[in-house]
Each structure stands twice: as C-alpha cells, then as structure tokens.
C-alpha cells in the first residue's frame, strides 16, 4: 500500500495562472521525488491600473512516500 503525503505551496507568475501552476510544480519537482497529483485550491491576482500584473495559485501537491529509499 502506498502512502501519500500532501504539501501546500503557492506559485506565482507574471504571465498567467497556468504558468504559475507549471512553474510551481517544476520547482517542487527539483527537490521532491515521486510527485503524483496537483490540486488547485485557490487563484488570485494583483491588479495594477486596469491590468492583471501577477498571478498566484495555491496548490496541494501529493507525493508518494518511499519507505524503502536509502539516504
């Protein structure tokens, strides 16, 4: 039986919400092995003038715990 662990992270981008998600998962995958799922919990943006200037996403990342892994 696999055990899943969840990690809440916030990603940001000046391009789009999708880019914020992609960048956050990419960064997390550099230090966390066995990522399996992502759930988008919230989205928000900064407004400057009449434009959206920065996009934020709160994510729930899931990954499998490898009990047999050696350090």
N, C-alpha and C. Protein backbone atom coordinates (compact mmCIF):
# COMPACT_ATOMS: atom_id res chain seq x y z
N UNK A 1 0.84 -1.18 0.00
CA UNK A 1 0.00 0.00 0.00
C UNK A 1 0.89 1.25 0.00
N UNK A 2 0.62 2.16 -0.89
CA UNK A 2 1.39 3.40 -0.99
C UNK A 2 0.79 4.45 -0.05
N UNK A 3 1.68 5.21 0.55
CA UNK A 3 1.26 6.30 1.42
C UNK A 3 1.54 7.61 0.70
N UNK A 4 0.53 8.47 0.68
CA UNK A 4 0.66 9.78 0.04
C UNK A 4 0.82 10.86 1.10
N UNK A 5 1.65 11.82 0.80
CA UNK A 5 1.82 12.98 1.66
C UNK A 5 1.41 14.20 0.85
N UNK A 6 0.86 15.22 1.53
CA UNK A 6 0.40 16.43 0.85
C UNK A 6 1.23 17.62 1.32
N UNK A 7 1.48 18.50 0.38
CA UNK A 7 2.25 19.70 0.65
C UNK A 7 1.51 20.88 0.02
N UNK A 8 1.27 21.92 0.80
CA UNK A 8 0.60 23.11 0.28
C UNK A 8 1.66 24.13 -0.11
N UNK A 9 1.59 24.59 -1.36
CA UNK A 9 2.55 25.58 -1.85
C UNK A 9 1.81 26.68 -2.61
N UNK A 10 2.47 27.81 -2.77
CA UNK A 10 1.93 28.92 -3.56
C UNK A 10 2.90 29.21 -4.69
N UNK A 11 2.38 29.27 -5.91
CA UNK A 11 3.18 29.61 -7.07
C UNK A 11 2.78 30.97 -7.61
N UNK A 12 3.68 31.61 -8.33
CA UNK A 12 3.36 32.92 -8.91
C UNK A 12 3.96 33.05 -10.30
N UNK A 13 3.37 33.95 -11.08
CA UNK A 13 3.84 34.20 -12.44
C UNK A 13 3.35 35.57 -12.87
N UNK A 14 4.09 36.20 -13.75
CA UNK A 14 3.63 37.46 -14.35
C UNK A 14 2.94 37.20 -15.69
N UNK A 15 2.84 35.91 -16.09
CA UNK A 15 2.26 35.54 -17.39
C UNK A 15 0.80 35.12 -17.26
N UNK A 16 0.53 34.10 -16.41
CA UNK A 16 -0.83 33.55 -16.30
C UNK A 16 -0.93 32.63 -15.09
N UNK A 17 -2.17 32.23 -14.76
CA UNK A 17 -2.37 31.26 -13.69
C UNK A 17 -1.79 29.91 -14.10
N UNK A 18 -1.98 29.54 -15.36
CA UNK A 18 -1.43 28.27 -15.84
C UNK A 18 0.09 28.25 -15.69
N UNK A 19 0.73 29.33 -16.05
CA UNK A 19 2.19 29.40 -15.93
C UNK A 19 2.61 29.32 -14.46
N UNK A 20 1.84 29.93 -13.56
CA UNK A 20 2.14 29.85 -12.14
C UNK A 20 2.08 28.40 -11.66
N UNK A 21 1.11 27.64 -12.13
CA UNK A 21 0.98 26.23 -11.78
C UNK A 21 2.17 25.44 -12.32
N UNK A 22 2.48 25.62 -13.59
CA UNK A 22 3.58 24.89 -14.23
C UNK A 22 4.90 25.21 -13.54
N UNK A 23 5.15 26.47 -13.24
CA UNK A 23 6.39 26.87 -12.59
C UNK A 23 6.50 26.30 -11.17
N UNK A 24 5.39 26.32 -10.43
CA UNK A 24 5.40 25.80 -9.06
C UNK A 24 5.67 24.31 -9.04
N UNK A 25 5.03 23.55 -9.92
CA UNK A 25 5.25 22.11 -9.99
C UNK A 25 6.68 21.82 -10.43
N UNK A 26 7.18 22.57 -11.38
CA UNK A 26 8.55 22.40 -11.86
C UNK A 26 9.55 22.63 -10.74
N UNK A 27 9.38 23.69 -9.98
CA UNK A 27 10.28 23.99 -8.87
C UNK A 27 10.19 22.92 -7.78
N UNK A 28 8.98 22.51 -7.45
CA UNK A 28 8.81 21.48 -6.40
C UNK A 28 9.45 20.16 -6.82
N UNK A 29 9.37 19.84 -8.10
CA UNK A 29 9.92 18.56 -8.57
C UNK A 29 11.45 18.51 -8.50
N UNK A 30 12.08 19.65 -8.33
CA UNK A 30 13.54 19.68 -8.20
C UNK A 30 14.00 19.13 -6.85
N UNK A 31 13.15 19.22 -5.84
CA UNK A 31 13.55 18.77 -4.51
C UNK A 31 12.64 17.69 -3.91
N UNK A 32 11.51 17.41 -4.56
CA UNK A 32 10.58 16.40 -4.05
C UNK A 32 10.43 15.30 -5.10
N UNK A 33 10.73 14.07 -4.70
CA UNK A 33 10.58 12.94 -5.60
C UNK A 33 9.16 12.37 -5.53
N UNK A 34 8.79 11.65 -6.56
CA UNK A 34 7.54 10.88 -6.61
C UNK A 34 6.27 11.75 -6.55
N UNK A 35 6.30 12.94 -7.15
CA UNK A 35 5.08 13.75 -7.25
C UNK A 35 4.04 12.97 -8.04
N UNK A 36 2.80 12.99 -7.56
CA UNK A 36 1.75 12.21 -8.23
C UNK A 36 0.55 13.03 -8.67
N UNK A 37 0.17 14.05 -7.89
CA UNK A 37 -1.04 14.82 -8.20
C UNK A 37 -0.87 16.27 -7.78
N UNK A 38 -1.67 17.11 -8.42
CA UNK A 38 -1.75 18.51 -8.01
C UNK A 38 -3.22 18.90 -8.00
N UNK A 39 -3.62 19.62 -6.97
CA UNK A 39 -4.98 20.13 -6.87
C UNK A 39 -4.89 21.65 -6.70
N UNK A 40 -5.60 22.38 -7.54
CA UNK A 40 -5.61 23.84 -7.44
C UNK A 40 -6.64 24.23 -6.39
N UNK A 41 -6.17 24.88 -5.33
CA UNK A 41 -7.05 25.25 -4.23
C UNK A 41 -7.61 26.66 -4.37
N UNK A 42 -6.79 27.57 -4.90
CA UNK A 42 -7.22 28.97 -4.99
C UNK A 42 -6.40 29.67 -6.06
N UNK A 43 -6.99 30.70 -6.66
CA UNK A 43 -6.30 31.53 -7.64
C UNK A 43 -6.61 32.99 -7.30
N UNK A 44 -5.59 33.84 -7.46
CA UNK A 44 -5.81 35.26 -7.25
C UNK A 44 -4.77 36.03 -8.07
N UNK A 45 -4.97 37.33 -8.19
CA UNK A 45 -4.05 38.13 -8.99
C UNK A 45 -3.91 39.52 -8.41
N UNK A 46 -2.79 40.15 -8.74
CA UNK A 46 -2.55 41.54 -8.38
C UNK A 46 -3.00 42.40 -9.56
N UNK A 47 -3.66 43.50 -9.25
CA UNK A 47 -4.13 44.42 -10.28
C UNK A 47 -3.32 45.71 -10.17
N UNK A 48 -2.82 46.16 -11.31
CA UNK A 48 -2.13 47.45 -11.38
C UNK A 48 -2.79 48.24 -12.49
N UNK A 49 -3.38 49.35 -12.13
CA UNK A 49 -4.16 50.11 -13.12
C UNK A 49 -5.38 49.30 -13.48
N UNK A 50 -5.51 48.93 -14.74
CA UNK A 50 -6.63 48.12 -15.21
C UNK A 50 -6.17 46.75 -15.69
N UNK A 51 -4.93 46.36 -15.32
CA UNK A 51 -4.37 45.10 -15.80
C UNK A 51 -4.00 44.17 -14.66
N UNK A 52 -4.11 42.88 -14.93
CA UNK A 52 -3.60 41.87 -14.02
C UNK A 52 -2.09 41.80 -14.22
N UNK A 53 -1.34 41.95 -13.15
CA UNK A 53 0.11 42.01 -13.30
C UNK A 53 0.85 40.82 -12.71
N UNK A 54 0.25 40.16 -11.72
CA UNK A 54 0.88 38.96 -11.17
C UNK A 54 -0.21 37.97 -10.77
N UNK A 55 0.03 36.72 -11.10
CA UNK A 55 -0.94 35.65 -10.87
C UNK A 55 -0.42 34.72 -9.79
N UNK A 56 -1.30 34.32 -8.86
CA UNK A 56 -0.92 33.44 -7.76
C UNK A 56 -1.84 32.23 -7.73
N UNK A 57 -1.30 31.08 -7.39
CA UNK A 57 -2.09 29.87 -7.22
C UNK A 57 -1.65 29.16 -5.94
N UNK A 58 -2.63 28.70 -5.18
CA UNK A 58 -2.35 27.85 -4.03
C UNK A 58 -2.61 26.41 -4.47
N UNK A 59 -1.61 25.56 -4.27
CA UNK A 59 -1.67 24.18 -4.75
C UNK A 59 -1.51 23.20 -3.61
N UNK A 60 -2.18 22.06 -3.76
CA UNK A 60 -1.99 20.91 -2.88
C UNK A 60 -1.26 19.87 -3.71
N UNK A 61 0.03 19.67 -3.45
CA UNK A 61 0.82 18.68 -4.17
C UNK A 61 0.82 17.38 -3.38
N UNK A 62 0.65 16.27 -4.08
CA UNK A 62 0.71 14.96 -3.45
C UNK A 62 1.93 14.23 -3.96
N UNK A 63 2.56 13.49 -3.07
CA UNK A 63 3.67 12.65 -3.48
C UNK A 63 3.68 11.37 -2.66
N UNK A 64 4.24 10.33 -3.24
CA UNK A 64 4.30 9.03 -2.60
C UNK A 64 5.53 8.96 -1.69
N UNK A 65 5.33 8.43 -0.50
CA UNK A 65 6.44 8.23 0.42
C UNK A 65 7.08 6.88 0.10
N UNK A 66 8.37 6.90 -0.12
CA UNK A 66 9.13 5.68 -0.44
C UNK A 66 9.80 5.19 0.85
N UNK A 67 9.20 4.24 1.49
CA UNK A 67 9.72 3.72 2.75
C UNK A 67 11.00 2.92 2.59
N UNK A 68 11.31 2.49 1.37
CA UNK A 68 12.49 1.68 1.13
C UNK A 68 13.68 2.50 0.62
N UNK A 69 13.49 3.79 0.47
CA UNK A 69 14.53 4.66 -0.04
C UNK A 69 15.68 4.78 0.96
N UNK A 70 16.89 4.75 0.45
CA UNK A 70 18.05 4.95 1.30
C UNK A 70 18.57 6.36 1.07
N UNK A 71 19.00 7.01 2.12
CA UNK A 71 19.51 8.38 2.01
C UNK A 71 20.84 8.46 1.35
